[in-house]
Amino acid sequence: MLSSVNSYQSRKNSNFQGFAVPASTKILDGFIKSQENLSSTRFIQDTATNWLPKAALSRSKADFWEFSLLEFAESGLFYFAAPILGEHLYRNQIFKKIQPKDLKSSISEKLPMSVSEIKQAGVDSVLKKRVITTKAGIVLACLAVPVLEYALSFAKNLFTLKVFHLSDFNNVANLNKEKKEDAAQQKRVEVHAKQELRKAGILSAAGLGAGLLLASRGHKSANALKFSEALLEPGKYISKGLHTIGIKSKNTDKFLKDYLKLDFDNQNGKLALSKGQLAVTCITGLFGYSEAAKDRGKLDFYEVWTRVPLVVLYTIFGSALFDEGFKKLLLKMGKYPELVKKSKDGTINIPTRKELPNIANKLAQKNKTSSDKELKKLIQQKSVITGVPYLFSLLAMGFSLTAITRIWTKYRYNHQYDNKN
């Protein structure tokens, strides 16, 4: 009886209805679940890859606190700001209120759909136009995200100046043991930081205003409608332009569609972060890093351009390259045949977490075992498929890059000091 109660409780607590998943396997399942959501996946990856190695190799108290503030605020902006603003504040609140009463629900309901899905929907043309221009208006309003990412490095400079009274990167990085500060440089860092923060506020407000105007009036203008479609999916228009000059490639079209898409992804009817939005924010952040670093000295500027471009590429593409290579290796070795399969078009598709129970049931019938046992095995296999590229990225892009960058900065400082002497 007790065994039956425990079994029922295990099934009830499991994320897979009707399956008993052991506690040890639930940890692996939680990892898999996090990896199938772009926001949470990349937040964990980026924070672990960028913050943890820096924390372990911290050069001073000021260094530790400024990069900690920067990394966590930056990761929050990268991965959660656009979905929170787009889904909760704009879609269901601000942009809903400006729509006609009889269309509020219809427009809000269709906003997660892509432009092509909206055009194919069986509704009148006015509603379609309103939905498309409202989608574009929300994207314009989310201009605040890359703008704030650009300004974040200046906020970091101001934080270090006010809290630790340091504006010289050589002192922050503990390269200069005397810790002498230049009053003129401190003033320059403070003034420039405050200017950029004010600009960020103005641009964010302008983006929201332009977005509201487009959402409320844009459906009346053919040009505004074309602008909206181009803003949401610029990659498609670039592909069309390449086709006209004879450059036709499915891989290129897919890349442009995915990584130049400023529209949100549709995640179970909700507005979710897209790869294109992430790319824009990351690239904007790179130039914010660079400009803020100039204020604090040459070595800060050099360190930014040694490390950050590689981090940006990693943040945008994640561990995609190694992930694809690892899947090909597993396929060649015949590992995990129930999960690693090649499709007709040559791509390797791994079943999602939601598909695992159905596969487990089929394997249980085939192997005459329990579905619980097969599901446990599938979760373990999928965690290996997902986890190995993740760990590789953490070690290669995290500790190695951070260590090399800091050694290189130290070398530059010593070389500079020797030249002065």
Protein backbone atom coordinates (compact mmCIF):
# COMPACT_ATOMS: atom_id res chain seq x y z
CA MET A 1 0.00 0.00 0.00
CA LEU A 2 2.80 2.38 1.01
CA SER A 3 4.62 1.54 -2.21
CA SER A 4 1.51 2.39 -4.23
CA VAL A 5 1.12 5.73 -2.44
CA ASN A 6 4.77 6.60 -3.07
CA SER A 7 4.45 5.60 -6.73
CA TYR A 8 1.34 7.76 -7.12
CA GLN A 9 3.01 10.73 -5.43
CA SER A 10 6.05 10.35 -7.67
CA ARG A 11 3.83 10.36 -10.76
CA LYS A 12 1.82 13.30 -9.46
CA ASN A 13 4.94 15.39 -8.84
CA SER A 14 6.50 14.47 -12.16
CA ASN A 15 6.47 16.93 -15.06
CA PHE A 16 5.55 13.99 -17.30
CA GLN A 17 1.95 13.08 -16.56
CA GLY A 18 1.56 9.35 -15.93
CA PHE A 19 5.30 8.70 -15.52
CA ALA A 20 7.35 8.18 -12.39
CA VAL A 21 10.61 10.08 -12.74
CA PRO A 22 13.25 9.51 -10.01
CA ALA A 23 14.67 12.55 -8.23
CA SER A 24 18.12 12.03 -9.80
CA THR A 25 16.61 12.01 -13.28
CA LYS A 26 14.47 15.08 -12.50
CA ILE A 27 17.66 17.14 -12.20
CA LEU A 28 18.69 16.08 -15.71
CA ASP A 29 15.15 16.71 -16.92
CA GLY A 30 15.26 20.23 -15.46
CA PHE A 31 18.49 20.88 -17.36
CA ILE A 32 16.90 19.65 -20.61
CA LYS A 33 13.84 21.80 -19.99
CA SER A 34 15.95 24.91 -19.48
CA GLN A 35 17.86 24.25 -22.71
CA GLU A 36 14.68 24.28 -24.80
CA ASN A 37 13.78 27.86 -23.85
CA LEU A 38 15.97 30.49 -25.53
CA SER A 39 15.69 33.02 -22.70
CA SER A 40 16.45 30.73 -19.77
CA THR A 41 18.98 28.65 -21.75
CA ARG A 42 21.06 31.59 -22.84
CA PHE A 43 20.75 33.35 -19.47
CA ILE A 44 22.26 30.33 -17.70
CA GLN A 45 24.91 29.79 -20.40
CA ASP A 46 25.91 33.43 -20.62
CA THR A 47 26.04 34.01 -16.87
CA ALA A 48 28.01 30.80 -16.25
CA THR A 49 30.36 31.44 -19.17
CA ASN A 50 31.03 35.11 -18.48
CA TRP A 51 30.52 35.67 -14.75
CA LEU A 52 31.84 32.49 -13.13
CA PRO A 53 35.33 32.56 -14.74
CA LYS A 54 35.68 36.29 -14.01
CA ALA A 55 34.68 35.70 -10.40
CA ALA A 56 37.29 32.96 -10.06
CA LEU A 57 39.96 35.19 -11.68
CA SER A 58 38.89 38.49 -10.12
CA ARG A 59 41.66 41.11 -9.99
CA SER A 60 40.28 43.42 -7.28
CA LYS A 61 37.17 44.17 -5.25
CA ALA A 62 36.17 46.93 -7.68
CA ASP A 63 36.76 44.58 -10.63
CA PHE A 64 34.59 41.89 -9.03
CA TRP A 65 31.63 44.12 -8.23
CA GLU A 66 31.58 46.04 -11.50
CA PHE A 67 31.63 42.96 -13.72
CA SER A 68 29.10 41.23 -11.41
CA LEU A 69 26.73 44.18 -11.74
CA LEU A 70 27.33 44.31 -15.47
CA GLU A 71 26.98 40.58 -16.19
CA PHE A 72 23.73 40.00 -14.27
CA ALA A 73 22.09 43.22 -15.46
CA GLU A 74 23.25 42.51 -19.00
CA SER A 75 22.01 38.91 -19.00
CA GLY A 76 18.64 40.09 -17.68
CA LEU A 77 18.43 42.66 -20.50
CA PHE A 78 19.57 40.18 -23.15
CA TYR A 79 17.20 37.37 -22.34
CA PHE A 80 14.22 38.66 -20.38
CA ALA A 81 13.66 42.36 -21.08
CA ALA A 82 12.21 41.96 -24.60
CA PRO A 83 9.79 39.12 -23.66
CA ILE A 84 8.67 40.88 -20.46
CA LEU A 85 8.17 44.23 -22.17
CA GLY A 86 6.66 42.75 -25.33
CA GLU A 87 4.37 40.16 -23.76
CA HIS A 88 3.30 41.61 -20.44
CA LEU A 89 3.64 45.39 -20.61
CA TYR A 90 3.02 46.17 -24.29
CA ARG A 91 0.85 43.38 -25.69
CA ASN A 92 -1.54 42.99 -22.75
CA GLN A 93 -1.46 46.53 -21.39
CA ILE A 94 -0.28 49.65 -23.25
CA PHE A 95 -0.77 48.59 -26.90
CA LYS A 96 -4.05 46.85 -26.13
CA LYS A 97 -5.58 50.01 -24.70
CA ILE A 98 -5.03 52.06 -27.87
CA GLN A 99 -6.98 49.62 -30.08
CA PRO A 100 -10.73 49.94 -30.88
CA LYS A 101 -12.89 48.23 -28.26
CA ASP A 102 -14.33 45.68 -30.66
CA LEU A 103 -10.84 44.65 -31.90
CA LYS A 104 -8.78 44.65 -28.68
CA SER A 105 -9.05 40.90 -28.06
CA SER A 106 -8.69 39.88 -31.73
CA ILE A 107 -5.53 41.94 -32.23
CA SER A 108 -3.94 40.82 -28.96
CA GLU A 109 -4.75 37.17 -29.71
CA LYS A 110 -3.03 37.26 -33.13
CA LEU A 111 0.11 39.19 -32.17
CA PRO A 112 2.28 36.08 -31.61
CA MET A 113 1.58 34.91 -35.18
CA SER A 114 4.16 35.52 -37.90
CA VAL A 115 3.48 37.97 -40.75
CA SER A 116 2.80 35.14 -43.21
CA GLU A 117 0.40 33.46 -40.75
CA ILE A 118 -1.47 36.73 -40.25
CA LYS A 119 -1.82 37.23 -43.99
CA GLN A 120 -3.20 33.70 -44.40
CA ALA A 121 -5.64 34.04 -41.49
CA GLY A 122 -9.30 34.09 -42.45
CA VAL A 123 -10.03 37.61 -41.19
CA ASP A 124 -10.73 40.96 -42.86
CA SER A 125 -7.86 42.99 -44.28
CA VAL A 126 -8.24 45.87 -41.80
CA LEU A 127 -7.68 43.53 -38.87
CA LYS A 128 -4.63 41.99 -40.60
CA LYS A 129 -3.13 45.43 -41.17
CA ARG A 130 -3.75 46.45 -37.57
CA VAL A 131 -2.11 43.29 -36.24
CA ILE A 132 0.99 43.70 -38.43
CA THR A 133 1.48 47.40 -37.60
CA THR A 134 0.84 46.73 -33.90
CA LYS A 135 3.49 43.98 -33.95
CA ALA A 136 5.93 46.42 -35.55
CA GLY A 137 4.95 49.09 -33.02
CA ILE A 138 5.80 46.76 -30.14
CA VAL A 139 9.19 45.97 -31.72
CA LEU A 140 9.87 49.73 -32.05
CA ALA A 141 8.92 50.22 -28.40
CA CYS A 142 11.40 47.48 -27.48
CA LEU A 143 14.15 49.73 -28.88
CA ALA A 144 14.68 50.45 -25.19
CA VAL A 145 16.39 47.06 -24.78
CA PRO A 146 19.43 47.56 -27.10
CA VAL A 147 19.60 51.23 -26.08
CA LEU A 148 19.83 50.33 -22.40
CA GLU A 149 22.37 47.62 -23.21
CA TYR A 150 24.54 50.27 -24.89
CA ALA A 151 24.23 52.56 -21.86
CA LEU A 152 24.88 49.79 -19.33
CA SER A 153 28.67 50.03 -19.68
CA PHE A 154 28.50 53.73 -18.85
CA ALA A 155 26.35 52.94 -15.80
CA LYS A 156 29.05 50.46 -14.78
CA ASN A 157 31.73 53.15 -15.08
CA LEU A 158 29.64 55.52 -12.96
CA PHE A 159 29.04 52.80 -10.35
CA THR A 160 32.77 52.09 -9.99
CA LEU A 161 33.56 55.81 -9.80
CA LYS A 162 30.97 56.58 -7.13
CA VAL A 163 31.43 53.45 -4.99
CA PHE A 164 35.18 52.76 -5.31
CA HIS A 165 36.34 56.23 -6.48
CA LEU A 166 38.17 54.67 -9.43
CA SER A 167 38.07 55.73 -13.08
CA ASP A 168 41.43 54.44 -14.31
CA PHE A 169 41.23 50.87 -15.64
CA ASN A 170 44.80 50.20 -14.48
CA ASN A 171 43.61 50.74 -10.91
CA VAL A 172 40.38 48.78 -11.32
CA ALA A 173 42.31 45.80 -12.73
CA ASN A 174 44.90 46.12 -9.95
CA LEU A 175 47.69 46.63 -12.47
CA ASN A 176 48.91 49.87 -10.94
CA LYS A 177 49.75 49.20 -7.28
CA GLU A 178 49.99 52.93 -6.43
CA LYS A 179 46.29 53.47 -7.32
CA LYS A 180 46.79 57.12 -8.30
CA GLU A 181 43.71 58.73 -9.87
CA ASP A 182 43.50 61.65 -12.30
CA ALA A 183 40.80 64.16 -11.25
CA ALA A 184 40.29 65.29 -14.86
CA GLN A 185 39.75 61.72 -16.02
CA GLN A 186 37.25 61.11 -13.19
CA LYS A 187 35.29 64.19 -14.24
CA ARG A 188 35.37 63.10 -17.89
CA VAL A 189 34.11 59.59 -17.02
CA GLU A 190 31.27 60.99 -14.89
CA VAL A 191 30.11 63.59 -17.43
CA HIS A 192 30.17 61.18 -20.38
CA ALA A 193 28.37 58.44 -18.43
CA LYS A 194 25.55 60.78 -17.40
CA GLN A 195 25.22 62.06 -20.97
CA GLU A 196 24.83 58.54 -22.37
CA LEU A 197 22.30 57.57 -19.69
CA ARG A 198 20.20 60.64 -20.52
CA LYS A 199 20.37 59.78 -24.25
CA ALA A 200 19.24 56.23 -23.47
CA GLY A 201 16.19 57.56 -21.64
CA ILE A 202 15.28 59.91 -24.51
CA LEU A 203 15.72 57.23 -27.20
CA SER A 204 13.69 54.69 -25.21
CA ALA A 205 10.83 57.19 -24.85
CA ALA A 206 11.06 58.03 -28.57
CA GLY A 207 10.88 54.34 -29.49
CA LEU A 208 7.76 53.88 -27.37
CA GLY A 209 6.12 56.98 -28.86
CA ALA A 210 6.90 55.91 -32.44
CA GLY A 211 5.63 52.41 -31.70
CA LEU A 212 2.33 53.68 -30.32
CA LEU A 213 1.86 55.95 -33.35
CA LEU A 214 2.56 53.07 -35.75
CA ALA A 215 0.21 50.73 -33.87
CA SER A 216 -2.67 53.22 -33.78
CA ARG A 217 -2.35 54.88 -37.22
CA GLY A 218 -0.10 52.67 -39.32
CA HIS A 219 -2.90 50.49 -40.76
CA LYS A 220 -4.13 53.50 -42.77
CA SER A 221 -0.88 53.87 -44.75
CA ALA A 222 0.48 51.45 -47.35
CA ASN A 223 4.02 52.73 -46.70
CA ALA A 224 3.66 52.23 -42.95
CA LEU A 225 2.49 48.67 -43.59
CA LYS A 226 5.51 47.95 -45.83
CA PHE A 227 7.80 49.49 -43.22
CA SER A 228 6.23 47.27 -40.55
CA GLU A 229 6.78 44.08 -42.53
CA ALA A 230 10.39 45.03 -43.33
CA LEU A 231 11.05 45.91 -39.69
CA LEU A 232 9.68 42.60 -38.43
CA GLU A 233 11.45 40.35 -40.95
CA PRO A 234 14.31 42.23 -42.69
CA GLY A 235 16.06 38.94 -43.48
CA LYS A 236 13.33 37.96 -45.95
CA TYR A 237 13.72 41.19 -47.89
CA ILE A 238 17.51 40.82 -48.01
CA SER A 239 17.07 37.25 -49.31
CA LYS A 240 14.78 38.52 -52.07
CA GLY A 241 17.40 41.10 -53.02
CA LEU A 242 20.10 38.41 -53.17
CA HIS A 243 17.85 36.23 -55.34
CA THR A 244 17.49 39.04 -57.89
CA ILE A 245 21.27 39.12 -58.39
CA GLY A 246 21.50 35.34 -58.68
CA ILE A 247 22.55 34.42 -55.12
CA LYS A 248 20.22 31.63 -54.07
CA SER A 249 20.97 29.42 -51.10
CA LYS A 250 18.58 27.77 -48.66
CA ASN A 251 21.16 27.93 -45.89
CA THR A 252 21.74 31.65 -46.47
CA ASP A 253 18.00 32.32 -46.56
CA LYS A 254 17.49 30.42 -43.31
CA PHE A 255 20.38 32.21 -41.61
CA LEU A 256 19.08 35.64 -42.65
CA LYS A 257 15.55 34.73 -41.66
CA ASP A 258 16.59 33.54 -38.18
CA TYR A 259 19.30 36.02 -37.23
CA LEU A 260 17.87 39.17 -38.83
CA LYS A 261 14.35 38.61 -37.52
CA LEU A 262 13.32 41.45 -35.21
CA ASP A 263 9.86 40.00 -34.64
CA PHE A 264 9.21 37.93 -31.55
CA ASP A 265 9.10 34.14 -31.60
CA ASN A 266 5.78 32.45 -30.86
CA GLN A 267 6.15 30.31 -27.75
CA ASN A 268 2.82 28.62 -27.03
CA GLY A 269 0.89 31.77 -27.91
CA LYS A 270 3.25 34.15 -26.09
CA LEU A 271 5.79 36.67 -27.38
CA ALA A 272 9.25 35.19 -26.79
CA LEU A 273 12.80 36.31 -27.50
CA SER A 274 13.97 35.69 -31.08
CA LYS A 275 17.55 35.13 -32.27
CA GLY A 276 17.47 38.35 -34.26
CA GLN A 277 16.49 40.42 -31.22
CA LEU A 278 19.29 38.82 -29.23
CA ALA A 279 21.81 39.54 -32.02
CA VAL A 280 20.89 43.24 -32.22
CA THR A 281 21.19 43.68 -28.46
CA CYS A 282 24.54 41.88 -28.30
CA ILE A 283 26.10 43.87 -31.15
CA THR A 284 24.82 47.16 -29.69
CA GLY A 285 26.35 46.15 -26.36
CA LEU A 286 29.75 45.60 -28.00
CA PHE A 287 29.92 49.23 -29.13
CA GLY A 288 28.70 50.40 -25.72
CA TYR A 289 31.54 48.45 -24.11
CA SER A 290 34.01 49.98 -26.54
CA GLU A 291 32.95 53.61 -26.07
CA ALA A 292 32.78 53.32 -22.28
CA ALA A 293 36.21 51.67 -22.22
CA LYS A 294 37.82 54.62 -24.05
CA ASP A 295 37.06 56.83 -21.06
CA ARG A 296 39.05 54.60 -18.70
CA GLY A 297 42.22 54.08 -20.72
CA LYS A 298 43.80 52.23 -23.63
CA LEU A 299 44.15 48.91 -21.82
CA ASP A 300 40.41 48.75 -21.09
CA PHE A 301 39.69 49.47 -24.76
CA TYR A 302 42.16 46.79 -25.90
CA GLU A 303 40.76 44.24 -23.46
CA VAL A 304 37.22 44.86 -24.71
CA TRP A 305 38.21 44.25 -28.33
CA THR A 306 40.26 41.19 -27.39
CA ARG A 307 37.44 39.46 -25.52
CA VAL A 308 34.00 40.93 -26.23
CA PRO A 309 33.67 40.21 -30.01
CA LEU A 310 34.20 36.49 -29.29
CA VAL A 311 31.73 36.66 -26.40
CA VAL A 312 29.18 38.36 -28.67
CA LEU A 313 29.52 35.60 -31.27
CA TYR A 314 29.15 32.99 -28.55
CA THR A 315 26.11 34.74 -27.06
CA ILE A 316 24.36 34.98 -30.44
CA PHE A 317 25.11 31.52 -31.70
CA GLY A 318 25.59 29.71 -28.39
CA SER A 319 27.28 26.37 -28.77
CA ALA A 320 25.55 25.76 -32.11
CA LEU A 321 28.67 24.90 -34.10
CA PHE A 322 30.04 22.39 -31.62
CA ASP A 323 26.52 21.12 -30.97
CA GLU A 324 26.03 20.29 -34.65
CA GLY A 325 29.42 18.58 -34.86
CA PHE A 326 28.73 16.53 -31.74
CA LYS A 327 25.40 15.32 -33.16
CA LYS A 328 27.12 14.24 -36.38
CA LEU A 329 29.68 12.31 -34.35
CA LEU A 330 26.95 10.53 -32.37
CA LEU A 331 25.13 9.67 -35.61
CA LYS A 332 28.32 8.28 -37.14
CA MET A 333 29.00 6.17 -34.05
CA GLY A 334 25.42 4.91 -33.94
CA LYS A 335 24.84 6.30 -30.45
CA TYR A 336 21.32 6.93 -29.14
CA PRO A 337 19.50 5.85 -32.34
CA GLU A 338 16.09 6.59 -30.81
CA LEU A 339 17.04 10.26 -30.48
CA VAL A 340 19.75 11.01 -33.06
CA LYS A 341 18.22 10.58 -36.50
CA LYS A 342 18.87 12.13 -39.89
CA SER A 343 15.89 13.62 -41.73
CA LYS A 344 15.28 13.49 -45.48
CA ASP A 345 16.76 16.95 -46.02
CA GLY A 346 20.02 15.89 -44.32
CA THR A 347 19.55 17.71 -41.01
CA ILE A 348 19.83 15.95 -37.66
CA ASN A 349 16.75 16.52 -35.55
CA ILE A 350 16.68 15.65 -31.86
CA PRO A 351 13.20 15.07 -30.36
CA THR A 352 12.02 17.72 -27.92
CA ARG A 353 11.43 17.00 -24.25
CA LYS A 354 7.66 16.81 -24.85
CA GLU A 355 8.14 14.03 -27.39
CA LEU A 356 10.08 11.75 -25.01
CA PRO A 357 7.02 10.11 -23.32
CA ASN A 358 5.61 8.90 -26.66
CA ILE A 359 9.00 7.48 -27.64
CA ALA A 360 9.27 5.82 -24.22
CA ASN A 361 5.87 4.15 -24.63
CA LYS A 362 6.81 2.76 -28.05
CA LEU A 363 10.16 1.48 -26.78
CA ALA A 364 8.43 -0.15 -23.78
CA GLN A 365 6.14 -2.11 -26.11
CA LYS A 366 9.04 -3.05 -28.38
CA ASN A 367 11.45 -4.07 -25.60
CA LYS A 368 8.75 -5.39 -23.23
CA THR A 369 9.90 -3.10 -20.44
CA SER A 370 8.23 -0.35 -18.42
CA SER A 371 7.64 3.12 -19.88
CA ASP A 372 9.19 4.67 -16.76
CA LYS A 373 12.44 2.82 -17.35
CA GLU A 374 12.58 3.81 -21.02
CA LEU A 375 11.80 7.44 -20.22
CA LYS A 376 14.59 7.55 -17.63
CA LYS A 377 17.02 6.21 -20.23
CA LEU A 378 15.88 8.76 -22.85
CA ILE A 379 16.26 11.66 -20.41
CA GLN A 380 19.81 10.54 -19.59
CA GLN A 381 20.68 10.24 -23.28
CA LYS A 382 19.22 13.62 -24.18
CA SER A 383 21.06 15.25 -21.27
CA VAL A 384 24.34 13.93 -22.74
CA ILE A 385 23.44 15.23 -26.22
CA THR A 386 22.65 18.65 -24.75
CA GLY A 387 25.18 18.79 -21.92
CA VAL A 388 28.46 17.96 -23.67
CA PRO A 389 28.39 21.01 -26.03
CA TYR A 390 27.26 23.15 -23.10
CA LEU A 391 30.21 22.11 -20.90
CA PHE A 392 32.65 22.51 -23.78
CA SER A 393 31.44 26.07 -24.34
CA LEU A 394 31.71 26.85 -20.65
CA LEU A 395 35.32 25.66 -20.45
CA ALA A 396 36.50 26.95 -23.84
CA MET A 397 34.68 30.29 -23.93
CA GLY A 398 34.60 30.85 -20.19
CA PHE A 399 37.75 30.07 -18.27
CA SER A 400 40.15 29.86 -21.22
CA LEU A 401 39.13 33.15 -22.83
CA THR A 402 38.99 35.01 -19.50
CA ALA A 403 42.41 33.73 -18.42
CA ILE A 404 44.07 34.49 -21.78
CA THR A 405 42.55 37.98 -21.89
CA ARG A 406 43.76 38.88 -18.43
CA ILE A 407 47.24 37.52 -19.03
CA TRP A 408 47.38 39.52 -22.26
CA THR A 409 46.24 42.71 -20.49
CA LYS A 410 48.90 42.22 -17.82
CA TYR A 411 51.51 41.75 -20.55
CA ARG A 412 50.40 44.96 -22.30
CA TYR A 413 50.62 46.90 -19.04
CA ASN A 414 54.13 45.60 -18.24
CA HIS A 415 55.25 46.31 -21.80
CA GLN A 416 53.81 49.84 -21.58
CA TYR A 417 55.48 50.40 -18.20
CA ASP A 418 58.87 49.18 -19.50
CA ASN A 419 58.65 51.54 -22.47
CA LYS A 420 57.97 54.50 -20.18
CA ASN A 421 60.97 53.64 -18.03
